[in-house]
Amino acid sequence: MTDLPTSRGYKGFTPDAGVYRVTHLPSGRSLLGSSPHLKAALNRTRMELEWKRHRNLALQHDWNRDGEASFRFEVLDLLQPGPNGEVAADDLKELLALWTASLARTPEQRY
């Protein structure tokens, strides 16, 4: 039996892990998140909004009203993977907490 390559082992692919932000430009409100695969998380968020299926109703409402052009999707910080290509969940959680504290957003500025 042959070992199948994992996504991390396939041609040296290691997804970027870290913290992202989706900002509604007119209001300045933003959604912070972290993921071991940032590109996939941002793509999923965009698709959920486009399909009107995002679980954050306030964010979905702003998207429906103002459209994609009123939003900025960005990566705030990256974590370096360990030797095995993995990023510890606790490290992602801690990085998200640091960004949350650093941005010091009021409840009105958050989704």
N, C-alpha and C. Protein backbone atom coordinates (compact mmCIF):
# COMPACT_ATOMS: atom_id res chain seq x y z
N MET A 1 0.84 -1.19 0.00
CA MET A 1 0.00 0.00 0.00
C MET A 1 0.89 1.24 0.00
N THR A 2 0.57 2.19 -0.83
CA THR A 2 1.34 3.42 -0.96
C THR A 2 0.74 4.49 -0.08
N ASP A 3 1.61 5.25 0.59
CA ASP A 3 1.13 6.38 1.38
C ASP A 3 0.70 7.50 0.45
N LEU A 4 -0.50 8.00 0.65
CA LEU A 4 -0.98 9.12 -0.15
C LEU A 4 -0.45 10.42 0.43
N PRO A 5 -0.11 11.38 -0.42
CA PRO A 5 0.40 12.65 0.10
C PRO A 5 -0.71 13.43 0.78
N THR A 6 -0.36 14.12 1.84
CA THR A 6 -1.31 15.03 2.47
C THR A 6 -1.24 16.36 1.75
N SER A 7 -2.19 17.25 2.04
CA SER A 7 -2.16 18.55 1.38
C SER A 7 -0.89 19.31 1.74
N ARG A 8 -0.39 19.11 2.95
CA ARG A 8 0.82 19.80 3.36
C ARG A 8 2.06 19.21 2.69
N GLY A 9 2.02 17.92 2.40
CA GLY A 9 3.17 17.28 1.79
C GLY A 9 3.16 17.34 0.29
N TYR A 10 2.02 17.65 -0.30
CA TYR A 10 1.91 17.66 -1.75
C TYR A 10 2.70 18.81 -2.34
N LYS A 11 3.74 18.47 -3.05
CA LYS A 11 4.60 19.46 -3.72
C LYS A 11 5.04 20.58 -2.79
N GLY A 12 5.22 20.26 -1.50
CA GLY A 12 5.71 21.25 -0.55
C GLY A 12 4.70 22.29 -0.15
N PHE A 13 3.41 22.05 -0.43
CA PHE A 13 2.37 23.04 -0.12
C PHE A 13 2.11 23.11 1.38
N THR A 14 2.23 24.29 1.92
CA THR A 14 1.84 24.56 3.29
C THR A 14 1.01 25.83 3.27
N PRO A 15 -0.29 25.72 3.64
CA PRO A 15 -1.13 26.92 3.60
C PRO A 15 -0.70 27.94 4.65
N ASP A 16 -0.95 29.21 4.36
CA ASP A 16 -0.67 30.27 5.32
C ASP A 16 -1.67 30.19 6.45
N ALA A 17 -1.18 30.31 7.68
CA ALA A 17 -2.02 30.32 8.87
C ALA A 17 -1.86 31.67 9.55
N GLY A 18 -2.94 32.15 10.15
CA GLY A 18 -2.83 33.42 10.86
C GLY A 18 -4.17 34.06 11.11
N VAL A 19 -4.15 35.39 11.17
CA VAL A 19 -5.34 36.19 11.53
C VAL A 19 -5.76 37.02 10.32
N TYR A 20 -7.08 37.07 10.11
CA TYR A 20 -7.63 37.87 9.02
C TYR A 20 -8.70 38.82 9.54
N ARG A 21 -9.04 39.78 8.68
CA ARG A 21 -10.09 40.75 9.02
C ARG A 21 -10.93 41.05 7.78
N VAL A 22 -12.23 41.13 8.00
CA VAL A 22 -13.16 41.56 6.96
C VAL A 22 -13.77 42.86 7.47
N THR A 23 -13.56 43.95 6.74
CA THR A 23 -13.98 45.27 7.19
C THR A 23 -15.05 45.84 6.26
N HIS A 24 -16.12 46.33 6.87
CA HIS A 24 -17.17 47.07 6.15
C HIS A 24 -16.69 48.51 6.11
N LEU A 25 -16.29 48.98 4.95
CA LEU A 25 -15.65 50.29 4.83
C LEU A 25 -16.54 51.46 5.24
N PRO A 26 -17.83 51.49 4.88
CA PRO A 26 -18.65 52.64 5.29
C PRO A 26 -18.79 52.79 6.81
N SER A 27 -18.91 51.68 7.53
CA SER A 27 -19.12 51.77 8.98
C SER A 27 -17.84 51.58 9.78
N GLY A 28 -16.83 50.95 9.20
CA GLY A 28 -15.61 50.64 9.92
C GLY A 28 -15.73 49.39 10.77
N ARG A 29 -16.90 48.76 10.80
CA ARG A 29 -17.05 47.53 11.58
C ARG A 29 -16.26 46.41 10.92
N SER A 30 -15.75 45.51 11.76
CA SER A 30 -14.95 44.43 11.19
C SER A 30 -15.16 43.12 11.94
N LEU A 31 -14.89 42.06 11.21
CA LEU A 31 -14.92 40.71 11.72
C LEU A 31 -13.49 40.21 11.75
N LEU A 32 -13.01 39.78 12.91
CA LEU A 32 -11.68 39.18 13.04
C LEU A 32 -11.83 37.68 13.12
N GLY A 33 -10.87 36.98 12.55
CA GLY A 33 -10.86 35.53 12.63
C GLY A 33 -9.45 35.00 12.48
N SER A 34 -9.30 33.73 12.79
CA SER A 34 -8.01 33.07 12.58
C SER A 34 -8.28 31.72 11.92
N SER A 35 -7.27 31.24 11.21
CA SER A 35 -7.43 29.98 10.50
C SER A 35 -6.06 29.37 10.19
N PRO A 36 -5.99 28.04 10.20
CA PRO A 36 -4.75 27.40 9.75
C PRO A 36 -4.61 27.45 8.22
N HIS A 37 -5.66 27.89 7.54
CA HIS A 37 -5.63 28.02 6.08
C HIS A 37 -6.36 29.31 5.72
N LEU A 38 -5.62 30.43 5.76
CA LEU A 38 -6.23 31.76 5.58
C LEU A 38 -6.96 31.92 4.26
N LYS A 39 -6.36 31.50 3.17
CA LYS A 39 -6.98 31.69 1.87
C LYS A 39 -8.34 31.00 1.83
N ALA A 40 -8.41 29.79 2.36
CA ALA A 40 -9.67 29.06 2.37
C ALA A 40 -10.70 29.75 3.26
N ALA A 41 -10.27 30.27 4.41
CA ALA A 41 -11.20 30.95 5.32
C ALA A 41 -11.77 32.21 4.69
N LEU A 42 -10.92 32.99 4.03
CA LEU A 42 -11.39 34.21 3.38
C LEU A 42 -12.31 33.88 2.19
N ASN A 43 -11.95 32.85 1.44
CA ASN A 43 -12.81 32.43 0.32
C ASN A 43 -14.16 31.95 0.83
N ARG A 44 -14.17 31.17 1.90
CA ARG A 44 -15.42 30.67 2.48
C ARG A 44 -16.29 31.83 2.95
N THR A 45 -15.68 32.80 3.62
CA THR A 45 -16.43 33.96 4.10
C THR A 45 -17.07 34.71 2.95
N ARG A 46 -16.30 34.95 1.90
CA ARG A 46 -16.81 35.66 0.73
C ARG A 46 -17.95 34.88 0.07
N MET A 47 -17.79 33.57 -0.07
CA MET A 47 -18.83 32.76 -0.70
C MET A 47 -20.10 32.72 0.15
N GLU A 48 -19.97 32.59 1.46
CA GLU A 48 -21.14 32.60 2.34
C GLU A 48 -21.90 33.92 2.20
N LEU A 49 -21.17 35.01 2.10
CA LEU A 49 -21.81 36.31 1.93
C LEU A 49 -22.50 36.40 0.56
N GLU A 50 -21.82 35.95 -0.48
CA GLU A 50 -22.41 35.99 -1.82
C GLU A 50 -23.67 35.13 -1.90
N TRP A 51 -23.67 33.99 -1.21
CA TRP A 51 -24.81 33.07 -1.24
C TRP A 51 -25.86 33.41 -0.18
N LYS A 52 -25.63 34.52 0.54
CA LYS A 52 -26.55 34.97 1.60
C LYS A 52 -26.75 33.91 2.69
N ARG A 53 -25.64 33.31 3.08
CA ARG A 53 -25.67 32.24 4.08
C ARG A 53 -24.69 32.47 5.23
N HIS A 54 -24.19 33.69 5.39
CA HIS A 54 -23.23 33.92 6.46
C HIS A 54 -23.94 33.89 7.81
N ARG A 55 -23.32 33.27 8.80
CA ARG A 55 -23.95 33.11 10.12
C ARG A 55 -24.00 34.41 10.92
N ASN A 56 -23.17 35.40 10.55
CA ASN A 56 -23.22 36.69 11.23
C ASN A 56 -24.23 37.56 10.48
N LEU A 57 -25.41 37.70 11.08
CA LEU A 57 -26.52 38.37 10.39
C LEU A 57 -26.25 39.85 10.13
N ALA A 58 -25.58 40.54 11.05
CA ALA A 58 -25.27 41.96 10.84
C ALA A 58 -24.31 42.14 9.66
N LEU A 59 -23.31 41.29 9.59
CA LEU A 59 -22.36 41.33 8.46
C LEU A 59 -23.10 41.03 7.16
N GLN A 60 -23.95 40.01 7.18
CA GLN A 60 -24.71 39.66 5.99
C GLN A 60 -25.62 40.80 5.55
N HIS A 61 -26.25 41.46 6.52
CA HIS A 61 -27.13 42.59 6.21
C HIS A 61 -26.35 43.71 5.51
N ASP A 62 -25.17 44.05 6.04
CA ASP A 62 -24.36 45.11 5.42
C ASP A 62 -23.92 44.71 4.01
N TRP A 63 -23.57 43.46 3.83
CA TRP A 63 -23.17 42.97 2.51
C TRP A 63 -24.34 43.07 1.53
N ASN A 64 -25.51 42.64 1.97
CA ASN A 64 -26.68 42.67 1.09
C ASN A 64 -27.02 44.11 0.69
N ARG A 65 -26.88 45.03 1.65
CA ARG A 65 -27.24 46.43 1.40
C ARG A 65 -26.19 47.14 0.55
N ASP A 66 -24.89 46.95 0.88
CA ASP A 66 -23.84 47.76 0.27
C ASP A 66 -23.00 47.05 -0.79
N GLY A 67 -23.01 45.73 -0.81
CA GLY A 67 -22.28 44.99 -1.83
C GLY A 67 -20.81 44.78 -1.53
N GLU A 68 -20.22 43.92 -2.33
CA GLU A 68 -18.83 43.50 -2.15
C GLU A 68 -17.84 44.65 -2.18
N ALA A 69 -18.09 45.66 -3.01
CA ALA A 69 -17.16 46.78 -3.14
C ALA A 69 -17.00 47.56 -1.84
N SER A 70 -17.92 47.38 -0.91
CA SER A 70 -17.87 48.10 0.37
C SER A 70 -17.12 47.33 1.46
N PHE A 71 -16.44 46.26 1.06
CA PHE A 71 -15.72 45.43 2.03
C PHE A 71 -14.27 45.25 1.64
N ARG A 72 -13.43 45.12 2.66
CA ARG A 72 -12.01 44.81 2.47
C ARG A 72 -11.72 43.50 3.20
N PHE A 73 -11.10 42.57 2.51
CA PHE A 73 -10.67 41.29 3.07
C PHE A 73 -9.14 41.35 3.17
N GLU A 74 -8.61 41.11 4.36
CA GLU A 74 -7.16 41.24 4.51
C GLU A 74 -6.59 40.26 5.52
N VAL A 75 -5.33 39.92 5.30
CA VAL A 75 -4.56 39.11 6.24
C VAL A 75 -3.80 40.07 7.14
N LEU A 76 -3.99 39.94 8.46
CA LEU A 76 -3.32 40.83 9.41
C LEU A 76 -1.99 40.29 9.89
N ASP A 77 -1.90 38.98 10.04
CA ASP A 77 -0.68 38.41 10.61
C ASP A 77 -0.57 36.95 10.21
N LEU A 78 0.66 36.48 10.05
CA LEU A 78 0.93 35.09 9.69
C LEU A 78 1.70 34.40 10.80
N LEU A 79 1.45 33.11 10.95
CA LEU A 79 2.22 32.27 11.88
C LEU A 79 3.11 31.34 11.06
N GLN A 80 4.33 31.17 11.50
CA GLN A 80 5.22 30.25 10.83
C GLN A 80 4.88 28.83 11.28
N PRO A 81 4.74 27.90 10.34
CA PRO A 81 4.45 26.52 10.73
C PRO A 81 5.66 25.86 11.38
N GLY A 82 5.38 24.84 12.17
CA GLY A 82 6.45 24.06 12.79
C GLY A 82 7.13 23.20 11.75
N PRO A 83 8.10 22.39 12.20
CA PRO A 83 8.87 21.56 11.27
C PRO A 83 8.01 20.58 10.48
N ASN A 84 6.88 20.18 11.03
CA ASN A 84 6.00 19.24 10.33
C ASN A 84 4.98 19.95 9.44
N GLY A 85 5.06 21.27 9.35
CA GLY A 85 4.14 22.04 8.53
C GLY A 85 2.84 22.42 9.21
N GLU A 86 2.70 22.07 10.48
CA GLU A 86 1.48 22.35 11.23
C GLU A 86 1.63 23.61 12.08
N VAL A 87 0.48 24.23 12.37
CA VAL A 87 0.42 25.37 13.28
C VAL A 87 -0.47 24.97 14.44
N ALA A 88 0.00 25.18 15.67
CA ALA A 88 -0.77 24.80 16.85
C ALA A 88 -2.02 25.66 16.98
N ALA A 89 -3.15 25.03 17.28
CA ALA A 89 -4.41 25.74 17.46
C ALA A 89 -4.30 26.78 18.58
N ASP A 90 -3.56 26.45 19.63
CA ASP A 90 -3.39 27.40 20.73
C ASP A 90 -2.63 28.65 20.28
N ASP A 91 -1.68 28.47 19.37
CA ASP A 91 -0.94 29.63 18.84
C ASP A 91 -1.85 30.54 18.04
N LEU A 92 -2.73 29.95 17.23
CA LEU A 92 -3.69 30.75 16.46
C LEU A 92 -4.63 31.50 17.40
N LYS A 93 -5.11 30.82 18.42
CA LYS A 93 -6.02 31.43 19.39
C LYS A 93 -5.35 32.61 20.10
N GLU A 94 -4.09 32.41 20.48
CA GLU A 94 -3.35 33.47 21.16
C GLU A 94 -3.10 34.67 20.23
N LEU A 95 -2.77 34.41 18.97
CA LEU A 95 -2.53 35.49 18.02
C LEU A 95 -3.82 36.29 17.79
N LEU A 96 -4.94 35.59 17.69
CA LEU A 96 -6.22 36.28 17.53
C LEU A 96 -6.53 37.14 18.75
N ALA A 97 -6.26 36.63 19.94
CA ALA A 97 -6.49 37.40 21.17
C ALA A 97 -5.60 38.65 21.20
N LEU A 98 -4.35 38.52 20.75
CA LEU A 98 -3.45 39.68 20.71
C LEU A 98 -3.97 40.75 19.76
N TRP A 99 -4.45 40.34 18.59
CA TRP A 99 -4.99 41.31 17.63
C TRP A 99 -6.27 41.95 18.15
N THR A 100 -7.10 41.15 18.79
CA THR A 100 -8.35 41.68 19.35
C THR A 100 -8.04 42.75 20.39
N ALA A 101 -7.08 42.49 21.26
CA ALA A 101 -6.68 43.47 22.28
C ALA A 101 -6.00 44.68 21.64
N SER A 102 -5.16 44.44 20.66
CA SER A 102 -4.42 45.52 20.02
C SER A 102 -5.34 46.50 19.28
N LEU A 103 -6.35 45.98 18.62
CA LEU A 103 -7.26 46.85 17.87
C LEU A 103 -8.24 47.57 18.78
N ALA A 104 -8.49 47.03 19.96
CA ALA A 104 -9.35 47.66 20.98
C ALA A 104 -10.64 48.23 20.38
N ARG A 105 -11.32 47.40 19.64
CA ARG A 105 -12.57 47.84 19.02
C ARG A 105 -13.71 47.83 20.03
N THR A 106 -14.57 48.81 19.93
CA THR A 106 -15.75 48.85 20.78
C THR A 106 -16.77 47.84 20.21
N PRO A 107 -17.78 47.49 20.99
CA PRO A 107 -18.80 46.57 20.46
C PRO A 107 -19.44 47.08 19.17
N GLU A 108 -19.57 48.38 19.02
CA GLU A 108 -20.17 48.95 17.82
C GLU A 108 -19.26 48.78 16.60
N GLN A 109 -17.98 48.54 16.81
CA GLN A 109 -17.01 48.39 15.73
C GLN A 109 -16.79 46.94 15.33
N ARG A 110 -17.49 46.03 16.01
CA ARG A 110 -17.29 44.58 15.76
C ARG A 110 -18.54 43.95 15.16
N TYR A 111 -18.27 42.89 14.46
CA TYR A 111 -19.36 42.00 14.02
C TYR A 111 -19.37 40.83 14.95
